[in-house]
N, C-alpha and C. Protein backbone atom coordinates (compact mmCIF):
# COMPACT_ATOMS: atom_id res chain seq x y z
N MET A 1 1.66 4.87 -12.96
CA MET A 1 2.50 4.59 -11.88
C MET A 1 3.94 4.86 -12.31
N THR A 2 4.73 5.31 -11.36
CA THR A 2 6.14 5.76 -11.68
C THR A 2 6.97 4.50 -11.76
N ASP A 3 8.19 4.73 -12.11
CA ASP A 3 9.20 3.70 -12.31
C ASP A 3 9.54 2.97 -10.97
N PRO A 4 9.30 1.66 -10.83
CA PRO A 4 9.50 0.96 -9.60
C PRO A 4 11.01 1.20 -9.05
N ARG A 5 11.89 1.49 -9.95
CA ARG A 5 13.29 1.49 -9.59
C ARG A 5 13.51 2.85 -8.75
N THR A 6 12.63 3.85 -9.04
CA THR A 6 12.86 5.19 -8.35
C THR A 6 11.74 5.46 -7.36
N ASP A 7 10.72 4.51 -7.24
CA ASP A 7 9.52 4.78 -6.31
C ASP A 7 9.83 4.38 -4.92
N ASN A 8 9.52 5.23 -3.99
CA ASN A 8 9.68 4.82 -2.57
C ASN A 8 8.80 3.65 -2.19
N ILE A 9 9.33 2.93 -1.19
CA ILE A 9 8.53 1.78 -0.64
C ILE A 9 8.15 2.10 0.72
N LEU A 10 6.77 1.96 1.08
CA LEU A 10 6.19 2.22 2.27
C LEU A 10 5.93 0.93 2.96
N ARG A 11 6.17 0.95 4.31
CA ARG A 11 5.79 -0.18 5.14
C ARG A 11 4.48 0.09 5.84
N ARG A 12 3.83 -0.99 6.35
CA ARG A 12 2.46 -0.94 6.84
C ARG A 12 2.17 0.22 7.78
N PRO A 13 3.01 0.60 8.78
CA PRO A 13 2.59 1.74 9.65
C PRO A 13 2.46 3.06 8.88
N GLU A 14 3.30 3.28 7.90
CA GLU A 14 3.12 4.47 7.14
C GLU A 14 1.92 4.47 6.21
N VAL A 15 1.67 3.31 5.62
CA VAL A 15 0.42 3.15 4.79
C VAL A 15 -0.78 3.35 5.72
N LEU A 16 -0.89 2.78 6.87
CA LEU A 16 -1.98 3.05 7.75
C LEU A 16 -2.15 4.52 8.09
N GLN A 17 -1.08 5.20 8.32
CA GLN A 17 -1.12 6.62 8.70
C GLN A 17 -1.53 7.47 7.55
N ARG A 18 -1.00 7.21 6.32
CA ARG A 18 -1.45 7.91 5.18
C ARG A 18 -2.87 7.77 4.67
N THR A 19 -3.33 6.51 4.98
CA THR A 19 -4.67 6.22 4.43
C THR A 19 -5.81 6.51 5.52
N GLY A 20 -5.40 6.40 6.75
CA GLY A 20 -6.32 6.49 7.85
C GLY A 20 -7.18 5.26 8.04
N LEU A 21 -6.71 4.16 7.50
CA LEU A 21 -7.32 2.93 7.59
C LEU A 21 -6.90 2.17 8.80
N SER A 22 -7.67 1.25 9.28
CA SER A 22 -7.16 0.36 10.43
C SER A 22 -6.58 -0.87 9.74
N ARG A 23 -5.77 -1.65 10.50
CA ARG A 23 -5.03 -2.73 9.91
C ARG A 23 -6.04 -3.76 9.28
N SER A 24 -7.12 -4.09 10.04
CA SER A 24 -8.05 -5.08 9.56
C SER A 24 -8.85 -4.61 8.30
N THR A 25 -9.11 -3.27 8.29
CA THR A 25 -9.84 -2.63 7.01
C THR A 25 -8.81 -2.67 5.79
N LEU A 26 -7.58 -2.41 6.16
CA LEU A 26 -6.54 -2.53 5.08
C LEU A 26 -6.53 -3.87 4.46
N GLN A 27 -6.39 -4.87 5.32
CA GLN A 27 -6.28 -6.34 4.84
C GLN A 27 -7.61 -6.73 4.13
N ARG A 28 -8.78 -6.24 4.55
CA ARG A 28 -10.06 -6.56 3.83
C ARG A 28 -10.09 -5.91 2.49
N LYS A 29 -9.68 -4.71 2.40
CA LYS A 29 -9.58 -4.01 1.05
C LYS A 29 -8.56 -4.72 0.13
N ILE A 30 -7.46 -5.28 0.64
CA ILE A 30 -6.51 -5.91 -0.21
C ILE A 30 -7.11 -7.20 -0.81
N ALA A 31 -7.85 -7.92 0.24
CA ALA A 31 -8.48 -9.20 -0.25
C ALA A 31 -9.59 -8.91 -1.14
N ASN A 32 -10.33 -7.83 -1.11
CA ASN A 32 -11.34 -7.46 -1.99
C ASN A 32 -10.88 -6.87 -3.31
N GLY A 33 -9.58 -6.51 -3.48
CA GLY A 33 -9.08 -5.88 -4.61
C GLY A 33 -9.38 -4.39 -4.70
N THR A 34 -9.66 -3.80 -3.60
CA THR A 34 -9.91 -2.39 -3.67
C THR A 34 -8.84 -1.57 -3.12
N PHE A 35 -7.69 -2.16 -2.80
CA PHE A 35 -6.47 -1.45 -2.36
C PHE A 35 -5.26 -2.24 -2.99
N PRO A 36 -4.22 -1.50 -3.45
CA PRO A 36 -3.09 -2.22 -4.02
C PRO A 36 -2.54 -3.21 -3.02
N ALA A 37 -2.23 -4.42 -3.47
CA ALA A 37 -1.65 -5.55 -2.79
C ALA A 37 -0.20 -5.15 -2.53
N GLN A 38 0.32 -5.57 -1.32
CA GLN A 38 1.72 -5.43 -1.01
C GLN A 38 2.58 -6.43 -1.72
N PHE A 39 3.89 -6.15 -1.80
CA PHE A 39 4.72 -7.14 -2.41
C PHE A 39 5.85 -7.46 -1.33
N LYS A 40 6.37 -8.65 -1.55
CA LYS A 40 7.47 -9.15 -0.66
C LYS A 40 8.78 -8.45 -0.82
N LEU A 41 9.40 -8.01 0.21
CA LEU A 41 10.70 -7.34 0.24
C LEU A 41 11.73 -8.43 0.71
N SER A 42 11.30 -9.33 1.55
CA SER A 42 12.12 -10.46 2.08
C SER A 42 11.20 -11.48 2.68
N GLU A 43 11.64 -12.50 3.22
CA GLU A 43 10.79 -13.58 3.75
C GLU A 43 9.65 -13.07 4.75
N ARG A 44 10.11 -12.07 5.62
CA ARG A 44 9.08 -11.63 6.67
C ARG A 44 8.86 -10.11 6.53
N CYS A 45 9.00 -9.61 5.31
CA CYS A 45 8.86 -8.14 5.22
C CYS A 45 8.17 -7.87 3.85
N SER A 46 7.19 -6.89 3.85
CA SER A 46 6.48 -6.50 2.70
C SER A 46 6.24 -5.10 2.64
N GLY A 47 5.91 -4.50 1.49
CA GLY A 47 5.77 -3.06 1.35
C GLY A 47 4.87 -2.76 0.22
N TRP A 48 4.61 -1.44 0.07
CA TRP A 48 3.75 -0.93 -1.03
C TRP A 48 4.58 0.25 -1.74
N TYR A 49 4.41 0.33 -3.09
CA TYR A 49 4.94 1.48 -3.73
C TYR A 49 4.29 2.69 -3.30
N GLU A 50 5.03 3.76 -3.01
CA GLU A 50 4.39 5.09 -2.60
C GLU A 50 3.44 5.58 -3.57
N SER A 51 3.77 5.48 -4.90
CA SER A 51 2.92 5.99 -5.94
C SER A 51 1.56 5.25 -5.99
N ALA A 52 1.50 3.99 -5.62
CA ALA A 52 0.25 3.16 -5.69
C ALA A 52 -0.65 3.67 -4.47
N VAL A 53 -0.02 3.92 -3.36
CA VAL A 53 -0.79 4.36 -2.21
C VAL A 53 -1.19 5.79 -2.41
N ASN A 54 -0.40 6.70 -2.96
CA ASN A 54 -0.85 8.02 -3.20
C ASN A 54 -1.95 8.07 -4.30
N GLU A 55 -1.99 7.19 -5.28
CA GLU A 55 -3.07 7.12 -6.14
C GLU A 55 -4.30 6.66 -5.55
N TRP A 56 -4.21 5.72 -4.66
CA TRP A 56 -5.49 5.30 -3.90
C TRP A 56 -5.98 6.41 -3.04
N VAL A 57 -5.16 7.14 -2.32
CA VAL A 57 -5.57 8.21 -1.41
C VAL A 57 -6.25 9.24 -2.29
N ALA A 58 -5.75 9.55 -3.40
CA ALA A 58 -6.36 10.58 -4.34
C ALA A 58 -7.67 10.10 -4.91
N ASN A 59 -7.84 8.81 -5.10
CA ASN A 59 -9.08 8.27 -5.71
C ASN A 59 -9.48 6.93 -5.09
N PRO A 60 -9.92 6.91 -3.87
CA PRO A 60 -10.29 5.62 -3.17
C PRO A 60 -11.42 4.92 -4.06
N ARG A 61 -11.31 3.68 -4.19
CA ARG A 61 -12.35 2.97 -5.07
C ARG A 61 -13.54 2.55 -4.09
């Protein structure tokens, strides 16, 4: 994984577009531990590191 200070942050719509997953499938994979969990950006906002999403796209578990 790259340095979090220089890694882009992706929001849910972009993660769904890049992975081709539906919202419910994404949530199920997060709950099962087969997709990187999102992290809080603020009280009502979360995101994923671009490198984690790219790593999953290259090698889905």
